[in-house]
Amino acid sequence: MKEIILTIAICLILTLILELAAALVIGIRKGFDLLVITFTNTLTNPLAVLAGMLLSAFTGIPRLIYIILIELSVFITEALIYKKLLFSRKLNPFIVSLILNGVSFFIGTTIAAKVLELLI
């Protein structure tokens, strides 16, 4: 149980750092918008990580399939939240979600694996 909580916490922290940094890079600067991104990820990331862990442990579904399904669900959910709540209208919310999730997935999974390797 301790490893599960640690994994979820590390993944969330890395996701928040990476996605907020990426948001700043693409021009999202309003405090409310950064707060929306923070809260959105606080909702979606732990669920995505836990779903991946459960699917890995208890099903025979190939990893690539469930990763694609989970990430697609997160992408759409976050894009819809951003469409409804973000004040920054310069970028399409689906593009924002794609960029932020791409950054956190590709960079975050690599870093998280290394951090967890050291801690567990």
PDB file of N, CA and C in Angstrom:
ATOM      1  N   MET A   1       0.819  -1.195   0.000  1.00  0.00           N
ATOM      2  CA  MET A   1       0.000   0.000   0.000  1.00  0.00           C
ATOM      3  C   MET A   1       0.867   1.264   0.000  1.00  0.00           C
ATOM      4  N   LYS A   2       1.961   1.213   0.770  1.00  0.00           N
ATOM      5  CA  LYS A   2       2.875   2.353   0.845  1.00  0.00           C
ATOM      6  C   LYS A   2       3.461   2.665  -0.534  1.00  0.00           C
ATOM      7  N   GLU A   3       3.811   1.628  -1.300  1.00  0.00           N
ATOM      8  CA  GLU A   3       4.374   1.825  -2.636  1.00  0.00           C
ATOM      9  C   GLU A   3       3.357   2.449  -3.590  1.00  0.00           C
ATOM     10  N   ILE A   4       2.102   2.058  -3.444  1.00  0.00           N
ATOM     11  CA  ILE A   4       1.048   2.616  -4.308  1.00  0.00           C
ATOM     12  C   ILE A   4       0.885   4.109  -4.033  1.00  0.00           C
ATOM     13  N   ILE A   5       0.805   4.471  -2.771  1.00  0.00           N
ATOM     14  CA  ILE A   5       0.643   5.879  -2.396  1.00  0.00           C
ATOM     15  C   ILE A   5       1.860   6.696  -2.827  1.00  0.00           C
ATOM     16  N   LEU A   6       3.045   6.151  -2.630  1.00  0.00           N
ATOM     17  CA  LEU A   6       4.269   6.832  -3.041  1.00  0.00           C
ATOM     18  C   LEU A   6       4.297   7.029  -4.555  1.00  0.00           C
ATOM     19  N   THR A   7       3.926   6.009  -5.299  1.00  0.00           N
ATOM     20  CA  THR A   7       3.892   6.099  -6.766  1.00  0.00           C
ATOM     21  C   THR A   7       2.913   7.176  -7.213  1.00  0.00           C
ATOM     22  N   ILE A   8       1.717   7.161  -6.648  1.00  0.00           N
ATOM     23  CA  ILE A   8       0.709   8.160  -7.022  1.00  0.00           C
ATOM     24  C   ILE A   8       1.193   9.566  -6.673  1.00  0.00           C
ATOM     25  N   ALA A   9       1.786   9.738  -5.502  1.00  0.00           N
ATOM     26  CA  ALA A   9       2.269  11.062  -5.075  1.00  0.00           C
ATOM     27  C   ALA A   9       3.388  11.571  -5.980  1.00  0.00           C
ATOM     28  N   ILE A  10       4.343  10.721  -6.292  1.00  0.00           N
ATOM     29  CA  ILE A  10       5.458  11.138  -7.148  1.00  0.00           C
ATOM     30  C   ILE A  10       4.964  11.482  -8.544  1.00  0.00           C
ATOM     31  N   CYS A  11       4.079  10.665  -9.078  1.00  0.00           N
ATOM     32  CA  CYS A  11       3.536  10.936 -10.413  1.00  0.00           C
ATOM     33  C   CYS A  11       2.764  12.249 -10.436  1.00  0.00           C
ATOM     34  N   LEU A  12       1.983  12.520  -9.399  1.00  0.00           N
ATOM     35  CA  LEU A  12       1.221  13.770  -9.350  1.00  0.00           C
ATOM     36  C   LEU A  12       2.149  14.975  -9.233  1.00  0.00           C
ATOM     37  N   ILE A  13       3.120  14.903  -8.363  1.00  0.00           N
ATOM     38  CA  ILE A  13       4.055  16.022  -8.188  1.00  0.00           C
ATOM     39  C   ILE A  13       4.805  16.314  -9.487  1.00  0.00           C
ATOM     40  N   LEU A  14       5.316  15.268 -10.123  1.00  0.00           N
ATOM     41  CA  LEU A  14       6.020  15.463 -11.398  1.00  0.00           C
ATOM     42  C   LEU A  14       5.103  16.024 -12.475  1.00  0.00           C
ATOM     43  N   THR A  15       3.888  15.509 -12.530  1.00  0.00           N
ATOM     44  CA  THR A  15       2.923  16.000 -13.518  1.00  0.00           C
ATOM     45  C   THR A  15       2.636  17.479 -13.308  1.00  0.00           C
ATOM     46  N   LEU A  16       2.415  17.874 -12.067  1.00  0.00           N
ATOM     47  CA  LEU A  16       2.132  19.280 -11.787  1.00  0.00           C
ATOM     48  C   LEU A  16       3.312  20.172 -12.176  1.00  0.00           C
ATOM     49  N   ILE A  17       4.505  19.775 -11.812  1.00  0.00           N
ATOM     50  CA  ILE A  17       5.695  20.570 -12.150  1.00  0.00           C
ATOM     51  C   ILE A  17       5.842  20.693 -13.668  1.00  0.00           C
ATOM     52  N   LEU A  18       5.759  19.566 -14.363  1.00  0.00           N
ATOM     53  CA  LEU A  18       5.961  19.569 -15.812  1.00  0.00           C
ATOM     54  C   LEU A  18       4.850  20.296 -16.561  1.00  0.00           C
ATOM     55  N   GLU A  19       3.606  20.056 -16.167  1.00  0.00           N
ATOM     56  CA  GLU A  19       2.509  20.675 -16.903  1.00  0.00           C
ATOM     57  C   GLU A  19       2.396  22.170 -16.619  1.00  0.00           C
ATOM     58  N   LEU A  20       2.669  22.579 -15.391  1.00  0.00           N
ATOM     59  CA  LEU A  20       2.650  24.015 -15.108  1.00  0.00           C
ATOM     60  C   LEU A  20       3.798  24.731 -15.823  1.00  0.00           C
ATOM     61  N   ALA A  21       4.959  24.096 -15.877  1.00  0.00           N
ATOM     62  CA  ALA A  21       6.090  24.678 -16.612  1.00  0.00           C
ATOM     63  C   ALA A  21       5.750  24.767 -18.108  1.00  0.00           C
ATOM     64  N   ALA A  22       5.174  23.717 -18.651  1.00  0.00           N
ATOM     65  CA  ALA A  22       4.789  23.718 -20.068  1.00  0.00           C
ATOM     66  C   ALA A  22       3.716  24.769 -20.337  1.00  0.00           C
ATOM     67  N   ALA A  23       2.767  24.921 -19.411  1.00  0.00           N
ATOM     68  CA  ALA A  23       1.727  25.940 -19.570  1.00  0.00           C
ATOM     69  C   ALA A  23       2.346  27.336 -19.641  1.00  0.00           C
ATOM     70  N   LEU A  24       3.306  27.595 -18.784  1.00  0.00           N
ATOM     71  CA  LEU A  24       3.997  28.893 -18.815  1.00  0.00           C
ATOM     72  C   LEU A  24       4.724  29.087 -20.137  1.00  0.00           C
ATOM     73  N   VAL A  25       5.372  28.051 -20.628  1.00  0.00           N
ATOM     74  CA  VAL A  25       6.111  28.131 -21.894  1.00  0.00           C
ATOM     75  C   VAL A  25       5.182  28.452 -23.065  1.00  0.00           C
ATOM     76  N   ILE A  26       3.976  27.861 -23.071  1.00  0.00           N
ATOM     77  CA  ILE A  26       3.066  28.109 -24.193  1.00  0.00           C
ATOM     78  C   ILE A  26       2.225  29.373 -24.013  1.00  0.00           C
ATOM     79  N   GLY A  27       2.466  30.113 -22.929  1.00  0.00           N
ATOM     80  CA  GLY A  27       1.840  31.414 -22.771  1.00  0.00           C
ATOM     81  C   GLY A  27       0.671  31.498 -21.809  1.00  0.00           C
ATOM     82  N   ILE A  28       0.414  30.448 -21.073  1.00  0.00           N
ATOM     83  CA  ILE A  28      -0.648  30.505 -20.070  1.00  0.00           C
ATOM     84  C   ILE A  28      -0.031  31.081 -18.798  1.00  0.00           C
ATOM     85  N   ARG A  29      -0.488  32.286 -18.440  1.00  0.00           N
ATOM     86  CA  ARG A  29       0.147  32.989 -17.340  1.00  0.00           C
ATOM     87  C   ARG A  29      -0.826  33.424 -16.235  1.00  0.00           C
ATOM     88  N   LYS A  30      -2.119  33.434 -16.544  1.00  0.00           N
ATOM     89  CA  LYS A  30      -3.089  33.901 -15.548  1.00  0.00           C
ATOM     90  C   LYS A  30      -3.148  32.928 -14.385  1.00  0.00           C
ATOM     91  N   GLY A  31      -3.169  33.484 -13.180  1.00  0.00           N
ATOM     92  CA  GLY A  31      -3.189  32.662 -11.970  1.00  0.00           C
ATOM     93  C   GLY A  31      -4.354  31.695 -11.936  1.00  0.00           C
ATOM     94  N   PHE A  32      -5.541  32.173 -12.350  1.00  0.00           N
ATOM     95  CA  PHE A  32      -6.709  31.297 -12.336  1.00  0.00           C
ATOM     96  C   PHE A  32      -6.516  30.120 -13.287  1.00  0.00           C
ATOM     97  N   ASP A  33      -5.962  30.373 -14.462  1.00  0.00           N
ATOM     98  CA  ASP A  33      -5.740  29.301 -15.437  1.00  0.00           C
ATOM     99  C   ASP A  33      -4.743  28.270 -14.906  1.00  0.00           C
ATOM    100  N   LEU A  34      -3.700  28.735 -14.254  1.00  0.00           N
ATOM    101  CA  LEU A  34      -2.724  27.812 -13.664  1.00  0.00           C
ATOM    102  C   LEU A  34      -3.356  27.012 -12.525  1.00  0.00           C
ATOM    103  N   LEU A  35      -4.259  27.636 -11.798  1.00  0.00           N
ATOM    104  CA  LEU A  35      -4.991  26.935 -10.741  1.00  0.00           C
ATOM    105  C   LEU A  35      -5.926  25.873 -11.341  1.00  0.00           C
ATOM    106  N   VAL A  36      -6.584  26.196 -12.446  1.00  0.00           N
ATOM    107  CA  VAL A  36      -7.442  25.222 -13.132  1.00  0.00           C
ATOM    108  C   VAL A  36      -6.614  24.013 -13.572  1.00  0.00           C
ATOM    109  N   ILE A  37      -5.445  24.270 -14.137  1.00  0.00           N
ATOM    110  CA  ILE A  37      -4.564  23.184 -14.569  1.00  0.00           C
ATOM    111  C   ILE A  37      -4.138  22.338 -13.366  1.00  0.00           C
ATOM    112  N   THR A  38      -3.815  22.987 -12.279  1.00  0.00           N
ATOM    113  CA  THR A  38      -3.412  22.278 -11.059  1.00  0.00           C
ATOM    114  C   THR A  38      -4.540  21.383 -10.544  1.00  0.00           C
ATOM    115  N   PHE A  39      -5.716  21.939 -10.393  1.00  0.00           N
ATOM    116  CA  PHE A  39      -6.840  21.155  -9.860  1.00  0.00           C
ATOM    117  C   PHE A  39      -7.280  20.059 -10.827  1.00  0.00           C
ATOM    118  N   THR A  40      -7.244  20.350 -12.107  1.00  0.00           N
ATOM    119  CA  THR A  40      -7.621  19.341 -13.102  1.00  0.00           C
ATOM    120  C   THR A  40      -6.690  18.142 -13.017  1.00  0.00           C
ATOM    121  N   ASN A  41      -5.400  18.406 -12.932  1.00  0.00           N
ATOM    122  CA  ASN A  41      -4.432  17.316 -12.826  1.00  0.00           C
ATOM    123  C   ASN A  41      -4.522  16.587 -11.494  1.00  0.00           C
ATOM    124  N   THR A  42      -4.890  17.313 -10.448  1.00  0.00           N
ATOM    125  CA  THR A  42      -5.060  16.684  -9.141  1.00  0.00           C
ATOM    126  C   THR A  42      -6.229  15.696  -9.175  1.00  0.00           C
ATOM    127  N   LEU A  43      -7.191  15.949 -10.030  1.00  0.00           N
ATOM    128  CA  LEU A  43      -8.310  15.021 -10.203  1.00  0.00           C
ATOM    129  C   LEU A  43      -7.959  13.850 -11.126  1.00  0.00           C
ATOM    130  N   THR A  44      -7.351  14.162 -12.262  1.00  0.00           N
ATOM    131  CA  THR A  44      -7.163  13.122 -13.287  1.00  0.00           C
ATOM    132  C   THR A  44      -5.925  12.256 -13.087  1.00  0.00           C
ATOM    133  N   ASN A  45      -4.836  12.843 -12.634  1.00  0.00           N
ATOM    134  CA  ASN A  45      -3.590  12.083 -12.564  1.00  0.00           C
ATOM    135  C   ASN A  45      -3.635  10.904 -11.591  1.00  0.00           C
ATOM    136  N   PRO A  46      -4.058  11.095 -10.340  1.00  0.00           N
ATOM    137  CA  PRO A  46      -4.101   9.930  -9.439  1.00  0.00           C
ATOM    138  C   PRO A  46      -5.015   8.815  -9.960  1.00  0.00           C
ATOM    139  N   LEU A  47      -6.134   9.188 -10.572  1.00  0.00           N
ATOM    140  CA  LEU A  47      -7.035   8.179 -11.134  1.00  0.00           C
ATOM    141  C   LEU A  47      -6.377   7.426 -12.284  1.00  0.00           C
ATOM    142  N   ALA A  48      -5.670   8.156 -13.132  1.00  0.00           N
ATOM    143  CA  ALA A  48      -4.995   7.523 -14.266  1.00  0.00           C
ATOM    144  C   ALA A  48      -3.889   6.576 -13.802  1.00  0.00           C
ATOM    145  N   VAL A  49      -3.104   7.019 -12.842  1.00  0.00           N
ATOM    146  CA  VAL A  49      -2.011   6.190 -12.327  1.00  0.00           C
ATOM    147  C   VAL A  49      -2.566   4.938 -11.642  1.00  0.00           C
ATOM    148  N   LEU A  50      -3.575   5.125 -10.813  1.00  0.00           N
ATOM    149  CA  LEU A  50      -4.181   3.987 -10.120  1.00  0.00           C
ATOM    150  C   LEU A  50      -4.830   3.020 -11.112  1.00  0.00           C
ATOM    151  N   ALA A  51      -5.527   3.550 -12.106  1.00  0.00           N
ATOM    152  CA  ALA A  51      -6.145   2.693 -13.126  1.00  0.00           C
ATOM    153  C   ALA A  51      -5.082   1.871 -13.853  1.00  0.00           C
ATOM    154  N   GLY A  52      -3.984   2.509 -14.197  1.00  0.00           N
ATOM    155  CA  GLY A  52      -2.891   1.789 -14.860  1.00  0.00           C
ATOM    156  C   GLY A  52      -2.317   0.689 -13.984  1.00  0.00           C
ATOM    157  N   MET A  53      -2.141   0.990 -12.705  1.00  0.00           N
ATOM    158  CA  MET A  53      -1.604  -0.009 -11.777  1.00  0.00           C
ATOM    159  C   MET A  53      -2.567  -1.191 -11.627  1.00  0.00           C
ATOM    160  N   LEU A  54      -3.857  -0.892 -11.505  1.00  0.00           N
ATOM    161  CA  LEU A  54      -4.847  -1.957 -11.348  1.00  0.00           C
ATOM    162  C   LEU A  54      -4.975  -2.803 -12.611  1.00  0.00           C
ATOM    163  N   LEU A  55      -5.011  -2.152 -13.759  1.00  0.00           N
ATOM    164  CA  LEU A  55      -5.106  -2.898 -15.017  1.00  0.00           C
ATOM    165  C   LEU A  55      -3.873  -3.772 -15.231  1.00  0.00           C
ATOM    166  N   SER A  56      -2.728  -3.263 -14.857  1.00  0.00           N
ATOM    167  CA  SER A  56      -1.491  -4.029 -14.975  1.00  0.00           C
ATOM    168  C   SER A  56      -1.504  -5.253 -14.076  1.00  0.00           C
ATOM    169  N   ALA A  57      -1.988  -5.068 -12.860  1.00  0.00           N
ATOM    170  CA  ALA A  57      -1.942  -6.146 -11.864  1.00  0.00           C
ATOM    171  C   ALA A  57      -3.037  -7.188 -12.041  1.00  0.00           C
ATOM    172  N   PHE A  58      -4.201  -6.779 -12.517  1.00  0.00           N
ATOM    173  CA  PHE A  58      -5.344  -7.688 -12.471  1.00  0.00           C
ATOM    174  C   PHE A  58      -5.963  -8.066 -13.814  1.00  0.00           C
ATOM    175  N   THR A  59      -5.398  -7.608 -14.906  1.00  0.00           N
ATOM    176  CA  THR A  59      -5.947  -7.991 -16.211  1.00  0.00           C
ATOM    177  C   THR A  59      -4.828  -8.453 -17.123  1.00  0.00           C
ATOM    178  N   GLY A  60      -5.223  -9.050 -18.192  1.00  0.00           N
ATOM    179  CA  GLY A  60      -4.252  -9.467 -19.190  1.00  0.00           C
ATOM    180  C   GLY A  60      -4.188  -8.503 -20.359  1.00  0.00           C
ATOM    181  N   ILE A  61      -4.779  -7.314 -20.170  1.00  0.00           N
ATOM    182  CA  ILE A  61      -4.783  -6.323 -21.245  1.00  0.00           C
ATOM    183  C   ILE A  61      -3.347  -5.872 -21.503  1.00  0.00           C
ATOM    184  N   PRO A  62      -2.927  -5.858 -22.765  1.00  0.00           N
ATOM    185  CA  PRO A  62      -1.566  -5.386 -23.068  1.00  0.00           C
ATOM    186  C   PRO A  62      -1.358  -3.944 -22.589  1.00  0.00           C
ATOM    187  N   ARG A  63      -0.174  -3.696 -22.055  1.00  0.00           N
ATOM    188  CA  ARG A  63       0.154  -2.387 -21.473  1.00  0.00           C
ATOM    189  C   ARG A  63      -0.111  -1.246 -22.452  1.00  0.00           C
ATOM    190  N   LEU A  64       0.300  -1.401 -23.697  1.00  0.00           N
ATOM    191  CA  LEU A  64       0.124  -0.346 -24.684  1.00  0.00           C
ATOM    192  C   LEU A  64      -1.352   0.016 -24.852  1.00  0.00           C
ATOM    193  N   ILE A  65      -2.220  -0.971 -24.838  1.00  0.00           N
ATOM    194  CA  ILE A  65      -3.658  -0.737 -25.020  1.00  0.00           C
ATOM    195  C   ILE A  65      -4.226   0.065 -23.854  1.00  0.00           C
ATOM    196  N   TYR A  66      -3.957  -0.362 -22.615  1.00  0.00           N
ATOM    197  CA  TYR A  66      -4.556   0.374 -21.502  1.00  0.00           C
ATOM    198  C   TYR A  66      -3.917   1.740 -21.301  1.00  0.00           C
ATOM    199  N   ILE A  67      -2.666   1.890 -21.645  1.00  0.00           N
ATOM    200  CA  ILE A  67      -2.029   3.218 -21.554  1.00  0.00           C
ATOM    201  C   ILE A  67      -2.703   4.168 -22.549  1.00  0.00           C
ATOM    202  N   ILE A  68      -2.917   3.707 -23.770  1.00  0.00           N
ATOM    203  CA  ILE A  68      -3.573   4.539 -24.780  1.00  0.00           C
ATOM    204  C   ILE A  68      -4.984   4.925 -24.322  1.00  0.00           C
ATOM    205  N   LEU A  69      -5.736   3.960 -23.815  1.00  0.00           N
ATOM    206  CA  LEU A  69      -7.103   4.241 -23.368  1.00  0.00           C
ATOM    207  C   LEU A  69      -7.135   5.222 -22.190  1.00  0.00           C
ATOM    208  N   ILE A  70      -6.256   5.020 -21.242  1.00  0.00           N
ATOM    209  CA  ILE A  70      -6.209   5.917 -20.077  1.00  0.00           C
ATOM    210  C   ILE A  70      -5.791   7.326 -20.503  1.00  0.00           C
ATOM    211  N   GLU A  71      -4.732   7.423 -21.285  1.00  0.00           N
ATOM    212  CA  GLU A  71      -4.242   8.739 -21.703  1.00  0.00           C
ATOM    213  C   GLU A  71      -5.253   9.466 -22.593  1.00  0.00           C
ATOM    214  N   LEU A  72      -5.949   8.737 -23.433  1.00  0.00           N
ATOM    215  CA  LEU A  72      -6.989   9.345 -24.267  1.00  0.00           C
ATOM    216  C   LEU A  72      -8.120   9.882 -23.392  1.00  0.00           C
ATOM    217  N   SER A  73      -8.501   9.122 -22.385  1.00  0.00           N
ATOM    218  CA  SER A  73      -9.540   9.571 -21.451  1.00  0.00           C
ATOM    219  C   SER A  73      -9.111  10.829 -20.698  1.00  0.00           C
ATOM    220  N   VAL A  74      -7.876  10.842 -20.246  1.00  0.00           N
ATOM    221  CA  VAL A  74      -7.349  12.012 -19.528  1.00  0.00           C
ATOM    222  C   VAL A  74      -7.299  13.222 -20.461  1.00  0.00           C
ATOM    223  N   PHE A  75      -6.807  13.019 -21.672  1.00  0.00           N
ATOM    224  CA  PHE A  75      -6.705  14.104 -22.658  1.00  0.00           C
ATOM    225  C   PHE A  75      -8.077  14.742 -22.902  1.00  0.00           C
ATOM    226  N   ILE A  76      -9.084  13.924 -23.160  1.00  0.00           N
ATOM    227  CA  ILE A  76     -10.422  14.445 -23.454  1.00  0.00           C
ATOM    228  C   ILE A  76     -11.029  15.118 -22.225  1.00  0.00           C
ATOM    229  N   THR A  77     -10.920  14.483 -21.072  1.00  0.00           N
ATOM    230  CA  THR A  77     -11.461  15.055 -19.837  1.00  0.00           C
ATOM    231  C   THR A  77     -10.836  16.415 -19.544  1.00  0.00           C
ATOM    232  N   GLU A  78      -9.523  16.483 -19.614  1.00  0.00           N
ATOM    233  CA  GLU A  78      -8.844  17.742 -19.321  1.00  0.00           C
ATOM    234  C   GLU A  78      -9.172  18.806 -20.363  1.00  0.00           C
ATOM    235  N   ALA A  79      -9.238  18.421 -21.621  1.00  0.00           N
ATOM    236  CA  ALA A  79      -9.575  19.393 -22.674  1.00  0.00           C
ATOM    237  C   ALA A  79     -10.961  19.988 -22.453  1.00  0.00           C
ATOM    238  N   LEU A  80     -11.914  19.160 -22.062  1.00  0.00           N
ATOM    239  CA  LEU A  80     -13.267  19.655 -21.811  1.00  0.00           C
ATOM    240  C   LEU A  80     -13.313  20.588 -20.604  1.00  0.00           C
ATOM    241  N   ILE A  81     -12.540  20.259 -19.572  1.00  0.00           N
ATOM    242  CA  ILE A  81     -12.458  21.146 -18.406  1.00  0.00           C
ATOM    243  C   ILE A  81     -11.808  22.465 -18.812  1.00  0.00           C
ATOM    244  N   TYR A  82     -10.722  22.399 -19.576  1.00  0.00           N
ATOM    245  CA  TYR A  82     -10.043  23.616 -20.012  1.00  0.00           C
ATOM    246  C   TYR A  82     -10.952  24.458 -20.901  1.00  0.00           C
ATOM    247  N   LYS A  83     -11.724  23.816 -21.756  1.00  0.00           N
ATOM    248  CA  LYS A  83     -12.639  24.535 -22.645  1.00  0.00           C
ATOM    249  C   LYS A  83     -13.652  25.333 -21.824  1.00  0.00           C
ATOM    250  N   LYS A  84     -14.106  24.746 -20.756  1.00  0.00           N
ATOM    251  CA  LYS A  84     -15.125  25.383 -19.917  1.00  0.00           C
ATOM    252  C   LYS A  84     -14.543  26.457 -18.993  1.00  0.00           C
ATOM    253  N   LEU A  85     -13.331  26.255 -18.483  1.00  0.00           N
ATOM    254  CA  LEU A  85     -12.844  27.097 -17.390  1.00  0.00           C
ATOM    255  C   LEU A  85     -11.672  28.028 -17.695  1.00  0.00           C
ATOM    256  N   LEU A  86     -10.849  27.713 -18.671  1.00  0.00           N
ATOM    257  CA  LEU A  86      -9.668  28.561 -18.889  1.00  0.00           C
ATOM    258  C   LEU A  86     -10.058  29.922 -19.451  1.00  0.00           C
ATOM    259  N   PHE A  87      -9.436  30.974 -18.918  1.00  0.00           N
ATOM    260  CA  PHE A  87      -9.634  32.321 -19.436  1.00  0.00           C
ATOM    261  C   PHE A  87      -8.801  32.547 -20.694  1.00  0.00           C
ATOM    262  N   SER A  88      -7.636  31.922 -20.740  1.00  0.00           N
ATOM    263  CA  SER A  88      -6.750  32.078 -21.897  1.00  0.00           C
ATOM    264  C   SER A  88      -7.427  31.467 -23.120  1.00  0.00           C
ATOM    265  N   ARG A  89      -7.753  32.292 -24.077  1.00  0.00           N
ATOM    266  CA  ARG A  89      -8.449  31.820 -25.273  1.00  0.00           C
ATOM    267  C   ARG A  89      -7.549  31.832 -26.506  1.00  0.00           C
ATOM    268  N   LYS A  90      -6.259  32.109 -26.312  1.00  0.00           N
ATOM    269  CA  LYS A  90      -5.333  32.146 -27.439  1.00  0.00           C
ATOM    270  C   LYS A  90      -5.170  30.773 -28.078  1.00  0.00           C
ATOM    271  N   LEU A  91      -5.151  29.748 -27.245  1.00  0.00           N
ATOM    272  CA  LEU A  91      -4.938  28.387 -27.728  1.00  0.00           C
ATOM    273  C   LEU A  91      -6.197  27.559 -27.572  1.00  0.00           C
ATOM    274  N   ASN A  92      -6.398  26.659 -28.506  1.00  0.00           N
ATOM    275  CA  ASN A  92      -7.499  25.712 -28.428  1.00  0.00           C
ATOM    276  C   ASN A  92      -7.285  24.820 -27.199  1.00  0.00           C
ATOM    277  N   PRO A  93      -8.317  24.604 -26.371  1.00  0.00           N
ATOM    278  CA  PRO A  93      -8.145  23.796 -25.155  1.00  0.00           C
ATOM    279  C   PRO A  93      -7.709  22.355 -25.443  1.00  0.00           C
ATOM    280  N   PHE A  94      -8.066  21.832 -26.603  1.00  0.00           N
ATOM    281  CA  PHE A  94      -7.638  20.478 -26.969  1.00  0.00           C
ATOM    282  C   PHE A  94      -6.144  20.459 -27.294  1.00  0.00           C
ATOM    283  N   ILE A  95      -5.652  21.538 -27.880  1.00  0.00           N
ATOM    284  CA  ILE A  95      -4.208  21.656 -28.147  1.00  0.00           C
ATOM    285  C   ILE A  95      -3.457  21.826 -26.829  1.00  0.00           C
ATOM    286  N   VAL A  96      -4.014  22.641 -25.930  1.00  0.00           N
ATOM    287  CA  VAL A  96      -3.398  22.826 -24.607  1.00  0.00           C
ATOM    288  C   VAL A  96      -3.300  21.482 -23.900  1.00  0.00           C
ATOM    289  N   SER A  97      -4.392  20.732 -23.876  1.00  0.00           N
ATOM    290  CA  SER A  97      -4.401  19.424 -23.215  1.00  0.00           C
ATOM    291  C   SER A  97      -3.398  18.472 -23.867  1.00  0.00           C
ATOM    292  N   LEU A  98      -3.348  18.477 -25.188  1.00  0.00           N
ATOM    293  CA  LEU A  98      -2.412  17.604 -25.912  1.00  0.00           C
ATOM    294  C   LEU A  98      -0.961  17.944 -25.569  1.00  0.00           C
ATOM    295  N   ILE A  99      -0.635  19.215 -25.579  1.00  0.00           N
ATOM    296  CA  ILE A  99       0.734  19.641 -25.267  1.00  0.00           C
ATOM    297  C   ILE A  99       1.101  19.293 -23.825  1.00  0.00           C
ATOM    298  N   LEU A 100       0.242  19.689 -22.884  1.00  0.00           N
ATOM    299  CA  LEU A 100       0.553  19.469 -21.472  1.00  0.00           C
ATOM    300  C   LEU A 100       0.652  17.976 -21.152  1.00  0.00           C
ATOM    301  N   ASN A 101      -0.287  17.198 -21.663  1.00  0.00           N
ATOM    302  CA  ASN A 101      -0.249  15.754 -21.410  1.00  0.00           C
ATOM    303  C   ASN A 101       0.920  15.081 -22.113  1.00  0.00           C
ATOM    304  N   GLY A 102       1.254  15.551 -23.293  1.00  0.00           N
ATOM    305  CA  GLY A 102       2.417  14.997 -23.996  1.00  0.00           C
ATOM    306  C   GLY A 102       3.699  15.217 -23.218  1.00  0.00           C
ATOM    307  N   VAL A 103       3.866  16.436 -22.723  1.00  0.00           N
ATOM    308  CA  VAL A 103       5.055  16.761 -21.930  1.00  0.00           C
ATOM    309  C   VAL A 103       5.114  15.906 -20.676  1.00  0.00           C
ATOM    310  N   SER A 104       4.002  15.870 -19.935  1.00  0.00           N
ATOM    311  CA  SER A 104       4.036  15.134 -18.669  1.00  0.00           C
ATOM    312  C   SER A 104       4.140  13.631 -18.881  1.00  0.00           C
ATOM    313  N   PHE A 105       3.548  13.119 -19.937  1.00  0.00           N
ATOM    314  CA  PHE A 105       3.631  11.677 -20.170  1.00  0.00           C
ATOM    315  C   PHE A 105       5.042  11.270 -20.570  1.00  0.00           C
ATOM    316  N   PHE A 106       5.589  11.904 -21.585  1.00  0.00           N
ATOM    317  CA  PHE A 106       6.877  11.460 -22.108  1.00  0.00           C
ATOM    318  C   PHE A 106       8.051  11.798 -21.190  1.00  0.00           C
ATOM    319  N   ILE A 107       8.030  12.948 -20.581  1.00  0.00           N
ATOM    320  CA  ILE A 107       9.118  13.304 -19.661  1.00  0.00           C
ATOM    321  C   ILE A 107       8.848  12.721 -18.274  1.00  0.00           C
ATOM    322  N   GLY A 108       7.614  12.841 -17.818  1.00  0.00           N
ATOM    323  CA  GLY A 108       7.256  12.401 -16.464  1.00  0.00           C
ATOM    324  C   GLY A 108       7.412  10.921 -16.224  1.00  0.00           C
ATOM    325  N   THR A 109       7.045  10.087 -17.200  1.00  0.00           N
ATOM    326  CA  THR A 109       7.173   8.643 -16.992  1.00  0.00           C
ATOM    327  C   THR A 109       8.639   8.235 -16.850  1.00  0.00           C
ATOM    328  N   THR A 110       9.492   8.887 -17.591  1.00  0.00           N
ATOM    329  CA  THR A 110      10.922   8.580 -17.494  1.00  0.00           C
ATOM    330  C   THR A 110      11.477   8.989 -16.132  1.00  0.00           C
ATOM    331  N   ILE A 111      11.168  10.218 -15.714  1.00  0.00           N
ATOM    332  CA  ILE A 111      11.668  10.709 -14.428  1.00  0.00           C
ATOM    333  C   ILE A 111      11.063   9.903 -13.276  1.00  0.00           C
ATOM    334  N   ALA A 112       9.753   9.654 -13.333  1.00  0.00           N
ATOM    335  CA  ALA A 112       9.084   8.916 -12.257  1.00  0.00           C
ATOM    336  C   ALA A 112       9.688   7.530 -12.082  1.00  0.00           C
ATOM    337  N   ALA A 113       9.979   6.861 -13.190  1.00  0.00           N
ATOM    338  CA  ALA A 113      10.567   5.525 -13.107  1.00  0.00           C
ATOM    339  C   ALA A 113      11.912   5.577 -12.393  1.00  0.00           C
ATOM    340  N   LYS A 114      12.720   6.574 -12.695  1.00  0.00           N
ATOM    341  CA  LYS A 114      14.034   6.712 -12.060  1.00  0.00           C
ATOM    342  C   LYS A 114      13.897   7.041 -10.570  1.00  0.00           C
ATOM    343  N   VAL A 115      12.986   7.954 -10.242  1.00  0.00           N
ATOM    344  CA  VAL A 115      12.785   8.323  -8.835  1.00  0.00           C
ATOM    345  C   VAL A 115      12.272   7.134  -8.033  1.00  0.00           C
ATOM    346  N   LEU A 116      11.287   6.447  -8.584  1.00  0.00           N
ATOM    347  CA  LEU A 116      10.737   5.290  -7.871  1.00  0.00           C
ATOM    348  C   LEU A 116      11.766   4.163  -7.725  1.00  0.00           C
ATOM    349  N   GLU A 117      12.613   4.028  -8.717  1.00  0.00           N
ATOM    350  CA  GLU A 117      13.700   3.018  -8.658  1.00  0.00           C
ATOM    351  C   GLU A 117      14.609   3.305  -7.482  1.00  0.00           C
ATOM    352  N   LEU A 118      14.873   4.581  -7.225  1.00  0.00           N
ATOM    353  CA  LEU A 118      15.732   4.973  -6.109  1.00  0.00           C
ATOM    354  C   LEU A 118      15.053   4.799  -4.755  1.00  0.00           C
ATOM    355  N   LEU A 119      13.738   5.027  -4.709  1.00  0.00           N
ATOM    356  CA  LEU A 119      13.024   5.030  -3.441  1.00  0.00           C
ATOM    357  C   LEU A 119      12.468   3.665  -3.039  1.00  0.00           C
ATOM    358  N   ILE A 120      12.155   2.836  -4.011  1.00  0.00           N
ATOM    359  CA  ILE A 120      11.517   1.559  -3.678  1.00  0.00           C
ATOM    360  C   ILE A 120      12.500   0.414  -3.811  1.00  0.00           C
TER     361      ILE A 120
END
